[in-house]
Amino acid sequence: MSSNIHIPKTCQFCGKAFIARTTVTKYCGNSCAKKAYKKRKRDEKIQSAIDDTKENLQSLQTINIITPQNLSQKEFLSITEVSELLGVSRWTIQRMVKRGQLTVKQIGRKKIMARNQIDNLFI
């Protein structure tokens, strides 16, 4: 069944003018329809990746992240936490321990030091 109506329209994908034979036609041809479909599917994938990233960020925000504000409240710190607090590498802290500037106590495999030692470095 063919239609005798002729509706001037503009393709939603490429922007060219064309004559539509139905009222629901959006694209000037099959190639524009296929390209629009692929673009729509690609955009859906991108949007789902963005949504997943947002969900991951929200879940990470609920995890207690070590910040200098959190470290200043702790009485005993690990070598990694001391290096983050002072803004130096872990190896610098290790060298200071080796030279005797800082003393550490080993609990299992973890080395910790008292917070007041760090405060005394700057007095």
PDB file of N, CA and C in Angstrom:
ATOM      1  N   MET A   1       0.841  -1.164   0.000  1.00  0.00           N
ATOM      2  CA  MET A   1       0.000   0.000   0.000  1.00  0.00           C
ATOM      3  C   MET A   1       0.886   1.226   0.000  1.00  0.00           C
ATOM      4  N   SER A   2       0.804   2.035  -0.993  1.00  0.00           N
ATOM      5  CA  SER A   2       1.630   3.225  -1.086  1.00  0.00           C
ATOM      6  C   SER A   2       0.822   4.449  -0.696  1.00  0.00           C
ATOM      7  N   SER A   3       1.549   5.428  -0.253  1.00  0.00           N
ATOM      8  CA  SER A   3       0.910   6.651   0.204  1.00  0.00           C
ATOM      9  C   SER A   3       1.078   7.718  -0.867  1.00  0.00           C
ATOM     10  N   ASN A   4       0.099   8.547  -0.996  1.00  0.00           N
ATOM     11  CA  ASN A   4       0.158   9.631  -1.972  1.00  0.00           C
ATOM     12  C   ASN A   4       0.530  10.954  -1.323  1.00  0.00           C
ATOM     13  N   ILE A   5       0.874  10.918  -0.017  1.00  0.00           N
ATOM     14  CA  ILE A   5       1.233  12.175   0.631  1.00  0.00           C
ATOM     15  C   ILE A   5       2.725  12.432   0.442  1.00  0.00           C
ATOM     16  N   HIS A   6       3.064  13.681   0.359  1.00  0.00           N
ATOM     17  CA  HIS A   6       4.452  14.119   0.225  1.00  0.00           C
ATOM     18  C   HIS A   6       4.684  15.219   1.247  1.00  0.00           C
ATOM     19  N   ILE A   7       5.510  14.889   2.259  1.00  0.00           N
ATOM     20  CA  ILE A   7       5.767  15.831   3.346  1.00  0.00           C
ATOM     21  C   ILE A   7       7.228  16.255   3.272  1.00  0.00           C
ATOM     22  N   PRO A   8       7.498  17.549   3.082  1.00  0.00           N
ATOM     23  CA  PRO A   8       8.902  17.995   3.102  1.00  0.00           C
ATOM     24  C   PRO A   8       9.434  17.974   4.541  1.00  0.00           C
ATOM     25  N   LYS A   9      10.557  17.263   4.761  1.00  0.00           N
ATOM     26  CA  LYS A   9      11.161  17.142   6.083  1.00  0.00           C
ATOM     27  C   LYS A   9      12.663  17.325   5.983  1.00  0.00           C
ATOM     28  N   THR A  10      13.294  17.423   7.140  1.00  0.00           N
ATOM     29  CA  THR A  10      14.751  17.506   7.244  1.00  0.00           C
ATOM     30  C   THR A  10      15.229  16.283   8.008  1.00  0.00           C
ATOM     31  N   CYS A  11      16.247  15.633   7.480  1.00  0.00           N
ATOM     32  CA  CYS A  11      16.800  14.439   8.105  1.00  0.00           C
ATOM     33  C   CYS A  11      17.372  14.806   9.477  1.00  0.00           C
ATOM     34  N   GLN A  12      17.032  14.008  10.508  1.00  0.00           N
ATOM     35  CA  GLN A  12      17.496  14.293  11.867  1.00  0.00           C
ATOM     36  C   GLN A  12      18.961  13.919  12.063  1.00  0.00           C
ATOM     37  N   PHE A  13      19.523  13.160  11.139  1.00  0.00           N
ATOM     38  CA  PHE A  13      20.925  12.779  11.285  1.00  0.00           C
ATOM     39  C   PHE A  13      21.843  13.686  10.471  1.00  0.00           C
ATOM     40  N   CYS A  14      21.569  13.804   9.164  1.00  0.00           N
ATOM     41  CA  CYS A  14      22.497  14.569   8.318  1.00  0.00           C
ATOM     42  C   CYS A  14      22.034  15.996   8.048  1.00  0.00           C
ATOM     43  N   GLY A  15      20.755  16.290   8.282  1.00  0.00           N
ATOM     44  CA  GLY A  15      20.267  17.650   8.112  1.00  0.00           C
ATOM     45  C   GLY A  15      19.838  17.999   6.693  1.00  0.00           C
ATOM     46  N   LYS A  16      19.851  17.043   5.772  1.00  0.00           N
ATOM     47  CA  LYS A  16      19.433  17.307   4.390  1.00  0.00           C
ATOM     48  C   LYS A  16      17.911  17.307   4.292  1.00  0.00           C
ATOM     49  N   ALA A  17      17.403  18.092   3.348  1.00  0.00           N
ATOM     50  CA  ALA A  17      15.964  18.142   3.104  1.00  0.00           C
ATOM     51  C   ALA A  17      15.582  16.949   2.232  1.00  0.00           C
ATOM     52  N   PHE A  18      14.405  16.358   2.509  1.00  0.00           N
ATOM     53  CA  PHE A  18      13.906  15.236   1.714  1.00  0.00           C
ATOM     54  C   PHE A  18      12.392  15.239   1.750  1.00  0.00           C
ATOM     55  N   ILE A  19      11.784  14.442   0.905  1.00  0.00           N
ATOM     56  CA  ILE A  19      10.329  14.316   0.848  1.00  0.00           C
ATOM     57  C   ILE A  19       9.950  12.999   1.511  1.00  0.00           C
ATOM     58  N   ALA A  20       9.178  13.081   2.592  1.00  0.00           N
ATOM     59  CA  ALA A  20       8.747  11.890   3.323  1.00  0.00           C
ATOM     60  C   ALA A  20       7.412  11.418   2.783  1.00  0.00           C
ATOM     61  N   ARG A  21       7.229  10.101   2.766  1.00  0.00           N
ATOM     62  CA  ARG A  21       5.980   9.515   2.302  1.00  0.00           C
ATOM     63  C   ARG A  21       5.076   9.099   3.465  1.00  0.00           C
ATOM     64  N   THR A  22       5.623   9.159   4.684  1.00  0.00           N
ATOM     65  CA  THR A  22       4.809   8.880   5.872  1.00  0.00           C
ATOM     66  C   THR A  22       5.048  10.002   6.885  1.00  0.00           C
ATOM     67  N   THR A  23       4.215  10.049   7.901  1.00  0.00           N
ATOM     68  CA  THR A  23       4.321  11.131   8.886  1.00  0.00           C
ATOM     69  C   THR A  23       5.362  10.838   9.962  1.00  0.00           C
ATOM     70  N   VAL A  24       5.815   9.592  10.082  1.00  0.00           N
ATOM     71  CA  VAL A  24       6.748   9.228  11.151  1.00  0.00           C
ATOM     72  C   VAL A  24       8.190   9.114  10.657  1.00  0.00           C
ATOM     73  N   THR A  25       8.447   9.339   9.393  1.00  0.00           N
ATOM     74  CA  THR A  25       9.804   9.223   8.852  1.00  0.00           C
ATOM     75  C   THR A  25      10.698  10.299   9.455  1.00  0.00           C
ATOM     76  N   LYS A  26      11.880   9.871   9.935  1.00  0.00           N
ATOM     77  CA  LYS A  26      12.819  10.798  10.566  1.00  0.00           C
ATOM     78  C   LYS A  26      14.081  11.009   9.746  1.00  0.00           C
ATOM     79  N   TYR A  27      14.445  10.026   8.923  1.00  0.00           N
ATOM     80  CA  TYR A  27      15.735  10.055   8.237  1.00  0.00           C
ATOM     81  C   TYR A  27      15.521  10.024   6.725  1.00  0.00           C
ATOM     82  N   CYS A  28      16.495  10.558   5.998  1.00  0.00           N
ATOM     83  CA  CYS A  28      16.359  10.653   4.551  1.00  0.00           C
ATOM     84  C   CYS A  28      16.541   9.308   3.854  1.00  0.00           C
ATOM     85  N   GLY A  29      17.190   8.371   4.507  1.00  0.00           N
ATOM     86  CA  GLY A  29      17.393   7.068   3.882  1.00  0.00           C
ATOM     87  C   GLY A  29      17.847   6.039   4.896  1.00  0.00           C
ATOM     88  N   ASN A  30      18.082   4.837   4.393  1.00  0.00           N
ATOM     89  CA  ASN A  30      18.466   3.723   5.243  1.00  0.00           C
ATOM     90  C   ASN A  30      19.846   3.942   5.867  1.00  0.00           C
ATOM     91  N   SER A  31      20.771   4.540   5.134  1.00  0.00           N
ATOM     92  CA  SER A  31      22.122   4.736   5.673  1.00  0.00           C
ATOM     93  C   SER A  31      22.103   5.710   6.853  1.00  0.00           C
ATOM     94  N   CYS A  32      21.309   6.769   6.756  1.00  0.00           N
ATOM     95  CA  CYS A  32      21.204   7.714   7.881  1.00  0.00           C
ATOM     96  C   CYS A  32      20.510   7.057   9.064  1.00  0.00           C
ATOM     97  N   ALA A  33      19.532   6.207   8.821  1.00  0.00           N
ATOM     98  CA  ALA A  33      18.842   5.507   9.899  1.00  0.00           C
ATOM     99  C   ALA A  33      19.806   4.575  10.621  1.00  0.00           C
ATOM    100  N   LYS A  34      20.645   3.856   9.875  1.00  0.00           N
ATOM    101  CA  LYS A  34      21.626   2.944  10.480  1.00  0.00           C
ATOM    102  C   LYS A  34      22.671   3.716  11.278  1.00  0.00           C
ATOM    103  N   LYS A  35      23.143   4.819  10.724  1.00  0.00           N
ATOM    104  CA  LYS A  35      24.147   5.625  11.430  1.00  0.00           C
ATOM    105  C   LYS A  35      23.562   6.229  12.704  1.00  0.00           C
ATOM    106  N   ALA A  36      22.306   6.661  12.650  1.00  0.00           N
ATOM    107  CA  ALA A  36      21.656   7.224  13.831  1.00  0.00           C
ATOM    108  C   ALA A  36      21.479   6.139  14.904  1.00  0.00           C
ATOM    109  N   TYR A  37      21.141   4.924  14.480  1.00  0.00           N
ATOM    110  CA  TYR A  37      21.002   3.824  15.428  1.00  0.00           C
ATOM    111  C   TYR A  37      22.325   3.525  16.114  1.00  0.00           C
ATOM    112  N   LYS A  38      23.403   3.463  15.339  1.00  0.00           N
ATOM    113  CA  LYS A  38      24.724   3.198  15.911  1.00  0.00           C
ATOM    114  C   LYS A  38      25.130   4.306  16.878  1.00  0.00           C
ATOM    115  N   LYS A  39      24.856   5.544  16.509  1.00  0.00           N
ATOM    116  CA  LYS A  39      25.189   6.668  17.398  1.00  0.00           C
ATOM    117  C   LYS A  39      24.383   6.586  18.691  1.00  0.00           C
ATOM    118  N   ARG A  40      23.106   6.230  18.584  1.00  0.00           N
ATOM    119  CA  ARG A  40      22.257   6.115  19.766  1.00  0.00           C
ATOM    120  C   ARG A  40      22.770   5.015  20.692  1.00  0.00           C
ATOM    121  N   LYS A  41      23.159   3.871  20.134  1.00  0.00           N
ATOM    122  CA  LYS A  41      23.685   2.764  20.931  1.00  0.00           C
ATOM    123  C   LYS A  41      25.022   3.137  21.567  1.00  0.00           C
ATOM    124  N   ARG A  42      25.879   3.835  20.816  1.00  0.00           N
ATOM    125  CA  ARG A  42      27.171   4.281  21.350  1.00  0.00           C
ATOM    126  C   ARG A  42      26.957   5.236  22.515  1.00  0.00           C
ATOM    127  N   ASP A  43      26.025   6.178  22.365  1.00  0.00           N
ATOM    128  CA  ASP A  43      25.726   7.132  23.429  1.00  0.00           C
ATOM    129  C   ASP A  43      25.165   6.439  24.669  1.00  0.00           C
ATOM    130  N   GLU A  44      24.357   5.378  24.461  1.00  0.00           N
ATOM    131  CA  GLU A  44      23.835   4.616  25.591  1.00  0.00           C
ATOM    132  C   GLU A  44      24.967   3.940  26.361  1.00  0.00           C
ATOM    133  N   LYS A  45      25.941   3.379  25.633  1.00  0.00           N
ATOM    134  CA  LYS A  45      27.085   2.737  26.285  1.00  0.00           C
ATOM    135  C   LYS A  45      27.903   3.752  27.073  1.00  0.00           C
ATOM    136  N   ILE A  46      28.119   4.903  26.469  1.00  0.00           N
ATOM    137  CA  ILE A  46      28.885   5.953  27.151  1.00  0.00           C
ATOM    138  C   ILE A  46      28.153   6.400  28.408  1.00  0.00           C
ATOM    139  N   GLN A  47      26.836   6.580  28.305  1.00  0.00           N
ATOM    140  CA  GLN A  47      26.056   7.020  29.458  1.00  0.00           C
ATOM    141  C   GLN A  47      26.071   5.972  30.560  1.00  0.00           C
ATOM    142  N   SER A  48      26.002   4.694  30.193  1.00  0.00           N
ATOM    143  CA  SER A  48      26.033   3.651  31.221  1.00  0.00           C
ATOM    144  C   SER A  48      27.409   3.609  31.896  1.00  0.00           C
ATOM    145  N   ALA A  49      28.489   3.865  31.133  1.00  0.00           N
ATOM    146  CA  ALA A  49      29.823   3.913  31.726  1.00  0.00           C
ATOM    147  C   ALA A  49      29.941   5.092  32.684  1.00  0.00           C
ATOM    148  N   ILE A  50      29.362   6.224  32.328  1.00  0.00           N
ATOM    149  CA  ILE A  50      29.380   7.401  33.195  1.00  0.00           C
ATOM    150  C   ILE A  50      28.595   7.115  34.480  1.00  0.00           C
ATOM    151  N   ASP A  51      27.446   6.461  34.343  1.00  0.00           N
ATOM    152  CA  ASP A  51      26.643   6.124  35.520  1.00  0.00           C
ATOM    153  C   ASP A  51      27.390   5.162  36.433  1.00  0.00           C
ATOM    154  N   ASP A  52      28.077   4.169  35.843  1.00  0.00           N
ATOM    155  CA  ASP A  52      28.863   3.229  36.645  1.00  0.00           C
ATOM    156  C   ASP A  52      29.975   3.953  37.390  1.00  0.00           C
ATOM    157  N   THR A  53      30.624   4.900  36.725  1.00  0.00           N
ATOM    158  CA  THR A  53      31.688   5.669  37.351  1.00  0.00           C
ATOM    159  C   THR A  53      31.148   6.486  38.517  1.00  0.00           C
ATOM    160  N   LYS A  54      29.983   7.085  38.343  1.00  0.00           N
ATOM    161  CA  LYS A  54      29.369   7.859  39.425  1.00  0.00           C
ATOM    162  C   LYS A  54      29.052   6.963  40.615  1.00  0.00           C
ATOM    163  N   GLU A  55      28.538   5.749  40.338  1.00  0.00           N
ATOM    164  CA  GLU A  55      28.232   4.825  41.427  1.00  0.00           C
ATOM    165  C   GLU A  55      29.510   4.420  42.158  1.00  0.00           C
ATOM    166  N   ASN A  56      30.598   4.184  41.401  1.00  0.00           N
ATOM    167  CA  ASN A  56      31.868   3.815  42.023  1.00  0.00           C
ATOM    168  C   ASN A  56      32.404   4.948  42.881  1.00  0.00           C
ATOM    169  N   LEU A  57      32.288   6.184  42.409  1.00  0.00           N
ATOM    170  CA  LEU A  57      32.752   7.326  43.186  1.00  0.00           C
ATOM    171  C   LEU A  57      31.942   7.474  44.469  1.00  0.00           C
ATOM    172  N   GLN A  58      30.639   7.250  44.379  1.00  0.00           N
ATOM    173  CA  GLN A  58      29.809   7.357  45.578  1.00  0.00           C
ATOM    174  C   GLN A  58      30.170   6.280  46.582  1.00  0.00           C
ATOM    175  N   SER A  59      30.470   5.075  46.099  1.00  0.00           N
ATOM    176  CA  SER A  59      30.857   4.013  47.027  1.00  0.00           C
ATOM    177  C   SER A  59      32.232   4.299  47.621  1.00  0.00           C
ATOM    178  N   LEU A  60      33.138   4.926  46.848  1.00  0.00           N
ATOM    179  CA  LEU A  60      34.454   5.272  47.380  1.00  0.00           C
ATOM    180  C   LEU A  60      34.366   6.379  48.423  1.00  0.00           C
ATOM    181  N   GLN A  61      33.400   7.260  48.283  1.00  0.00           N
ATOM    182  CA  GLN A  61      33.258   8.350  49.247  1.00  0.00           C
ATOM    183  C   GLN A  61      32.807   7.829  50.601  1.00  0.00           C
ATOM    184  N   THR A  62      32.134   6.684  50.616  1.00  0.00           N
ATOM    185  CA  THR A  62      31.713   6.127  51.894  1.00  0.00           C
ATOM    186  C   THR A  62      32.868   5.442  52.609  1.00  0.00           C
ATOM    187  N   ILE A  63      33.912   5.050  51.863  1.00  0.00           N
ATOM    188  CA  ILE A  63      35.084   4.443  52.472  1.00  0.00           C
ATOM    189  C   ILE A  63      35.882   5.528  53.174  1.00  0.00           C
ATOM    190  N   ASN A  64      36.435   5.227  54.325  1.00  0.00           N
ATOM    191  CA  ASN A  64      37.208   6.197  55.087  1.00  0.00           C
ATOM    192  C   ASN A  64      38.566   6.392  54.417  1.00  0.00           C
ATOM    193  N   ILE A  65      38.754   7.506  53.752  1.00  0.00           N
ATOM    194  CA  ILE A  65      39.990   7.802  53.042  1.00  0.00           C
ATOM    195  C   ILE A  65      40.943   8.524  53.986  1.00  0.00           C
ATOM    196  N   ILE A  66      42.220   8.151  53.925  1.00  0.00           N
ATOM    197  CA  ILE A  66      43.226   8.763  54.799  1.00  0.00           C
ATOM    198  C   ILE A  66      43.535  10.165  54.278  1.00  0.00           C
ATOM    199  N   THR A  67      43.326  11.147  55.114  1.00  0.00           N
ATOM    200  CA  THR A  67      43.651  12.525  54.784  1.00  0.00           C
ATOM    201  C   THR A  67      44.506  13.086  55.908  1.00  0.00           C
ATOM    202  N   PRO A  68      45.225  14.156  55.645  1.00  0.00           N
ATOM    203  CA  PRO A  68      46.020  14.759  56.717  1.00  0.00           C
ATOM    204  C   PRO A  68      45.182  15.147  57.936  1.00  0.00           C
ATOM    205  N   GLN A  69      43.908  15.493  57.740  1.00  0.00           N
ATOM    206  CA  GLN A  69      43.062  15.835  58.877  1.00  0.00           C
ATOM    207  C   GLN A  69      42.839  14.594  59.747  1.00  0.00           C
ATOM    208  N   ASN A  70      42.622  13.431  59.114  1.00  0.00           N
ATOM    209  CA  ASN A  70      42.434  12.192  59.878  1.00  0.00           C
ATOM    210  C   ASN A  70      43.726  11.806  60.580  1.00  0.00           C
ATOM    211  N   LEU A  71      44.861  12.009  59.925  1.00  0.00           N
ATOM    212  CA  LEU A  71      46.143  11.602  60.485  1.00  0.00           C
ATOM    213  C   LEU A  71      46.522  12.455  61.692  1.00  0.00           C
ATOM    214  N   SER A  72      46.115  13.704  61.718  1.00  0.00           N
ATOM    215  CA  SER A  72      46.491  14.565  62.835  1.00  0.00           C
ATOM    216  C   SER A  72      45.775  14.168  64.114  1.00  0.00           C
ATOM    217  N   GLN A  73      44.711  13.389  64.013  1.00  0.00           N
ATOM    218  CA  GLN A  73      43.971  12.965  65.191  1.00  0.00           C
ATOM    219  C   GLN A  73      44.497  11.649  65.751  1.00  0.00           C
ATOM    220  N   LYS A  74      45.256  10.893  64.941  1.00  0.00           N
ATOM    221  CA  LYS A  74      45.753   9.596  65.400  1.00  0.00           C
ATOM    222  C   LYS A  74      46.987   9.775  66.282  1.00  0.00           C
ATOM    223  N   GLU A  75      47.114   8.917  67.288  1.00  0.00           N
ATOM    224  CA  GLU A  75      48.246   9.014  68.191  1.00  0.00           C
ATOM    225  C   GLU A  75      49.448   8.213  67.697  1.00  0.00           C
ATOM    226  N   PHE A  76      49.189   7.108  66.992  1.00  0.00           N
ATOM    227  CA  PHE A  76      50.258   6.287  66.444  1.00  0.00           C
ATOM    228  C   PHE A  76      50.062   6.171  64.937  1.00  0.00           C
ATOM    229  N   LEU A  77      51.167   6.296  64.200  1.00  0.00           N
ATOM    230  CA  LEU A  77      51.097   6.329  62.733  1.00  0.00           C
ATOM    231  C   LEU A  77      52.034   5.286  62.137  1.00  0.00           C
ATOM    232  N   SER A  78      51.638   4.759  60.977  1.00  0.00           N
ATOM    233  CA  SER A  78      52.530   3.867  60.242  1.00  0.00           C
ATOM    234  C   SER A  78      53.496   4.725  59.419  1.00  0.00           C
ATOM    235  N   ILE A  79      54.489   4.076  58.851  1.00  0.00           N
ATOM    236  CA  ILE A  79      55.471   4.816  58.047  1.00  0.00           C
ATOM    237  C   ILE A  79      54.807   5.453  56.834  1.00  0.00           C
ATOM    238  N   THR A  80      53.875   4.741  56.209  1.00  0.00           N
ATOM    239  CA  THR A  80      53.160   5.299  55.059  1.00  0.00           C
ATOM    240  C   THR A  80      52.354   6.518  55.467  1.00  0.00           C
ATOM    241  N   GLU A  81      51.674   6.454  56.612  1.00  0.00           N
ATOM    242  CA  GLU A  81      50.875   7.586  57.074  1.00  0.00           C
ATOM    243  C   GLU A  81      51.756   8.780  57.423  1.00  0.00           C
ATOM    244  N   VAL A  82      52.926   8.520  58.006  1.00  0.00           N
ATOM    245  CA  VAL A  82      53.857   9.607  58.323  1.00  0.00           C
ATOM    246  C   VAL A  82      54.337  10.275  57.045  1.00  0.00           C
ATOM    247  N   SER A  83      54.642   9.470  56.025  1.00  0.00           N
ATOM    248  CA  SER A  83      55.123  10.045  54.763  1.00  0.00           C
ATOM    249  C   SER A  83      54.031  10.884  54.102  1.00  0.00           C
ATOM    250  N   GLU A  84      52.775  10.439  54.180  1.00  0.00           N
ATOM    251  CA  GLU A  84      51.672  11.232  53.619  1.00  0.00           C
ATOM    252  C   GLU A  84      51.469  12.515  54.414  1.00  0.00           C
ATOM    253  N   LEU A  85      51.604  12.423  55.717  1.00  0.00           N
ATOM    254  CA  LEU A  85      51.418  13.593  56.565  1.00  0.00           C
ATOM    255  C   LEU A  85      52.481  14.655  56.301  1.00  0.00           C
ATOM    256  N   LEU A  86      53.729  14.212  56.154  1.00  0.00           N
ATOM    257  CA  LEU A  86      54.823  15.160  55.937  1.00  0.00           C
ATOM    258  C   LEU A  86      55.014  15.525  54.472  1.00  0.00           C
ATOM    259  N   GLY A  87      54.441  14.732  53.578  1.00  0.00           N
ATOM    260  CA  GLY A  87      54.583  15.017  52.151  1.00  0.00           C
ATOM    261  C   GLY A  87      55.928  14.590  51.593  1.00  0.00           C
ATOM    262  N   VAL A  88      56.507  13.551  52.168  1.00  0.00           N
ATOM    263  CA  VAL A  88      57.778  13.019  51.683  1.00  0.00           C
ATOM    264  C   VAL A  88      57.575  11.545  51.342  1.00  0.00           C
ATOM    265  N   SER A  89      58.589  10.932  50.762  1.00  0.00           N
ATOM    266  CA  SER A  89      58.467   9.527  50.393  1.00  0.00           C
ATOM    267  C   SER A  89      58.668   8.627  51.606  1.00  0.00           C
ATOM    268  N   ARG A  90      58.228   7.382  51.464  1.00  0.00           N
ATOM    269  CA  ARG A  90      58.418   6.406  52.530  1.00  0.00           C
ATOM    270  C   ARG A  90      59.898   6.159  52.772  1.00  0.00           C
ATOM    271  N   TRP A  91      60.683   6.230  51.707  1.00  0.00           N
ATOM    272  CA  TRP A  91      62.121   5.981  51.836  1.00  0.00           C
ATOM    273  C   TRP A  91      62.803   7.060  52.668  1.00  0.00           C
ATOM    274  N   THR A  92      62.308   8.287  52.591  1.00  0.00           N
ATOM    275  CA  THR A  92      62.860   9.359  53.418  1.00  0.00           C
ATOM    276  C   THR A  92      62.618   9.050  54.892  1.00  0.00           C
ATOM    277  N   ILE A  93      61.414   8.577  55.211  1.00  0.00           N
ATOM    278  CA  ILE A  93      61.108   8.215  56.588  1.00  0.00           C
ATOM    279  C   ILE A  93      61.989   7.042  57.029  1.00  0.00           C
ATOM    280  N   GLN A  94      62.189   6.065  56.147  1.00  0.00           N
ATOM    281  CA  GLN A  94      63.056   4.923  56.465  1.00  0.00           C
ATOM    282  C   GLN A  94      64.488   5.393  56.769  1.00  0.00           C
ATOM    283  N   ARG A  95      64.985   6.340  55.979  1.00  0.00           N
ATOM    284  CA  ARG A  95      66.330   6.870  56.215  1.00  0.00           C
ATOM    285  C   ARG A  95      66.405   7.593  57.557  1.00  0.00           C
ATOM    286  N   MET A  96      65.353   8.345  57.916  1.00  0.00           N
ATOM    287  CA  MET A  96      65.334   9.052  59.194  1.00  0.00           C
ATOM    288  C   MET A  96      65.341   8.051  60.354  1.00  0.00           C
ATOM    289  N   VAL A  97      64.660   6.929  60.190  1.00  0.00           N
ATOM    290  CA  VAL A  97      64.667   5.883  61.218  1.00  0.00           C
ATOM    291  C   VAL A  97      66.061   5.291  61.321  1.00  0.00           C
ATOM    292  N   LYS A  98      66.691   5.035  60.188  1.00  0.00           N
ATOM    293  CA  LYS A  98      68.031   4.442  60.179  1.00  0.00           C
ATOM    294  C   LYS A  98      69.054   5.375  60.822  1.00  0.00           C
ATOM    295  N   ARG A  99      68.912   6.687  60.614  1.00  0.00           N
ATOM    296  CA  ARG A  99      69.833   7.667  61.211  1.00  0.00           C
ATOM    297  C   ARG A  99      69.544   7.909  62.676  1.00  0.00           C
ATOM    298  N   GLY A 100      68.386   7.459  63.159  1.00  0.00           N
ATOM    299  CA  GLY A 100      68.055   7.637  64.569  1.00  0.00           C
ATOM    300  C   GLY A 100      67.250   8.889  64.847  1.00  0.00           C
ATOM    301  N   GLN A 101      66.817   9.599  63.816  1.00  0.00           N
ATOM    302  CA  GLN A 101      65.995  10.790  64.037  1.00  0.00           C
ATOM    303  C   GLN A 101      64.591  10.419  64.504  1.00  0.00           C
ATOM    304  N   LEU A 102      64.119   9.243  64.103  1.00  0.00           N
ATOM    305  CA  LEU A 102      62.811   8.750  64.511  1.00  0.00           C
ATOM    306  C   LEU A 102      62.976   7.332  65.041  1.00  0.00           C
ATOM    307  N   THR A 103      62.156   6.975  66.024  1.00  0.00           N
ATOM    308  CA  THR A 103      62.179   5.606  66.525  1.00  0.00           C
ATOM    309  C   THR A 103      60.847   4.946  66.197  1.00  0.00           C
ATOM    310  N   VAL A 104      60.927   3.689  65.816  1.00  0.00           N
ATOM    311  CA  VAL A 104      59.727   2.947  65.478  1.00  0.00           C
ATOM    312  C   VAL A 104      59.656   1.683  66.328  1.00  0.00           C
ATOM    313  N   LYS A 105      58.461   1.208  66.512  1.00  0.00           N
ATOM    314  CA  LYS A 105      58.217  -0.076  67.166  1.00  0.00           C
ATOM    315  C   LYS A 105      57.560  -0.973  66.129  1.00  0.00           C
ATOM    316  N   GLN A 106      57.985  -2.208  66.088  1.00  0.00           N
ATOM    317  CA  GLN A 106      57.451  -3.129  65.106  1.00  0.00           C
ATOM    318  C   GLN A 106      56.401  -4.013  65.766  1.00  0.00           C
ATOM    319  N   ILE A 107      55.229  -4.042  65.157  1.00  0.00           N
ATOM    320  CA  ILE A 107      54.143  -4.909  65.604  1.00  0.00           C
ATOM    321  C   ILE A 107      53.839  -5.834  64.437  1.00  0.00           C
ATOM    322  N   GLY A 108      54.292  -7.066  64.547  1.00  0.00           N
ATOM    323  CA  GLY A 108      54.160  -7.988  63.429  1.00  0.00           C
ATOM    324  C   GLY A 108      55.053  -7.523  62.299  1.00  0.00           C
ATOM    325  N   ARG A 109      54.451  -7.254  61.149  1.00  0.00           N
ATOM    326  CA  ARG A 109      55.230  -6.753  60.016  1.00  0.00           C
ATOM    327  C   ARG A 109      55.104  -5.241  59.864  1.00  0.00           C
ATOM    328  N   LYS A 110      54.300  -4.623  60.695  1.00  0.00           N
ATOM    329  CA  LYS A 110      54.044  -3.192  60.568  1.00  0.00           C
ATOM    330  C   LYS A 110      54.873  -2.405  61.559  1.00  0.00           C
ATOM    331  N   LYS A 111      55.459  -1.323  61.070  1.00  0.00           N
ATOM    332  CA  LYS A 111      56.242  -0.430  61.928  1.00  0.00           C
ATOM    333  C   LYS A 111      55.405   0.804  62.208  1.00  0.00           C
ATOM    334  N   ILE A 112      55.304   1.156  63.507  1.00  0.00           N
ATOM    335  CA  ILE A 112      54.533   2.345  63.880  1.00  0.00           C
ATOM    336  C   ILE A 112      55.389   3.247  64.752  1.00  0.00           C
ATOM    337  N   MET A 113      55.000   4.515  64.775  1.00  0.00           N
ATOM    338  CA  MET A 113      55.704   5.479  65.623  1.00  0.00           C
ATOM    339  C   MET A 113      54.694   6.415  66.257  1.00  0.00           C
ATOM    340  N   ALA A 114      55.105   7.005  67.339  1.00  0.00           N
ATOM    341  CA  ALA A 114      54.230   7.906  68.079  1.00  0.00           C
ATOM    342  C   ALA A 114      54.116   9.239  67.346  1.00  0.00           C
ATOM    343  N   ARG A 115      52.947   9.821  67.425  1.00  0.00           N
ATOM    344  CA  ARG A 115      52.658  11.098  66.764  1.00  0.00           C
ATOM    345  C   ARG A 115      53.533  12.219  67.331  1.00  0.00           C
ATOM    346  N   ASN A 116      53.853  12.175  68.635  1.00  0.00           N
ATOM    347  CA  ASN A 116      54.620  13.265  69.243  1.00  0.00           C
ATOM    348  C   ASN A 116      56.046  13.322  68.695  1.00  0.00           C
ATOM    349  N   GLN A 117      56.576  12.221  68.144  1.00  0.00           N
ATOM    350  CA  GLN A 117      57.893  12.272  67.503  1.00  0.00           C
ATOM    351  C   GLN A 117      57.869  13.181  66.280  1.00  0.00           C
ATOM    352  N   ILE A 118      56.810  13.095  65.529  1.00  0.00           N
ATOM    353  CA  ILE A 118      56.681  13.946  64.324  1.00  0.00           C
ATOM    354  C   ILE A 118      56.564  15.414  64.741  1.00  0.00           C
ATOM    355  N   ASP A 119      55.790  15.650  65.798  1.00  0.00           N
ATOM    356  CA  ASP A 119      55.637  17.020  66.294  1.00  0.00           C
ATOM    357  C   ASP A 119      56.965  17.567  66.809  1.00  0.00           C
ATOM    358  N   ASN A 120      57.782  16.706  67.453  1.00  0.00           N
ATOM    359  CA  ASN A 120      59.068  17.150  68.004  1.00  0.00           C
ATOM    360  C   ASN A 120      60.099  17.437  66.917  1.00  0.00           C
ATOM    361  N   LEU A 121      59.915  16.942  65.723  1.00  0.00           N
ATOM    362  CA  LEU A 121      60.861  17.225  64.633  1.00  0.00           C
ATOM    363  C   LEU A 121      60.898  18.721  64.310  1.00  0.00           C
ATOM    364  N   PHE A 122      59.814  19.403  64.510  1.00  0.00           N
ATOM    365  CA  PHE A 122      59.707  20.798  64.102  1.00  0.00           C
ATOM    366  C   PHE A 122      59.854  21.771  65.259  1.00  0.00           C
ATOM    367  N   ILE A 123      60.277  21.282  66.405  1.00  0.00           N
ATOM    368  CA  ILE A 123      60.479  22.177  67.556  1.00  0.00           C
ATOM    369  C   ILE A 123      61.929  22.623  67.600  1.00  0.00           C
TER     370      ILE A 123
END
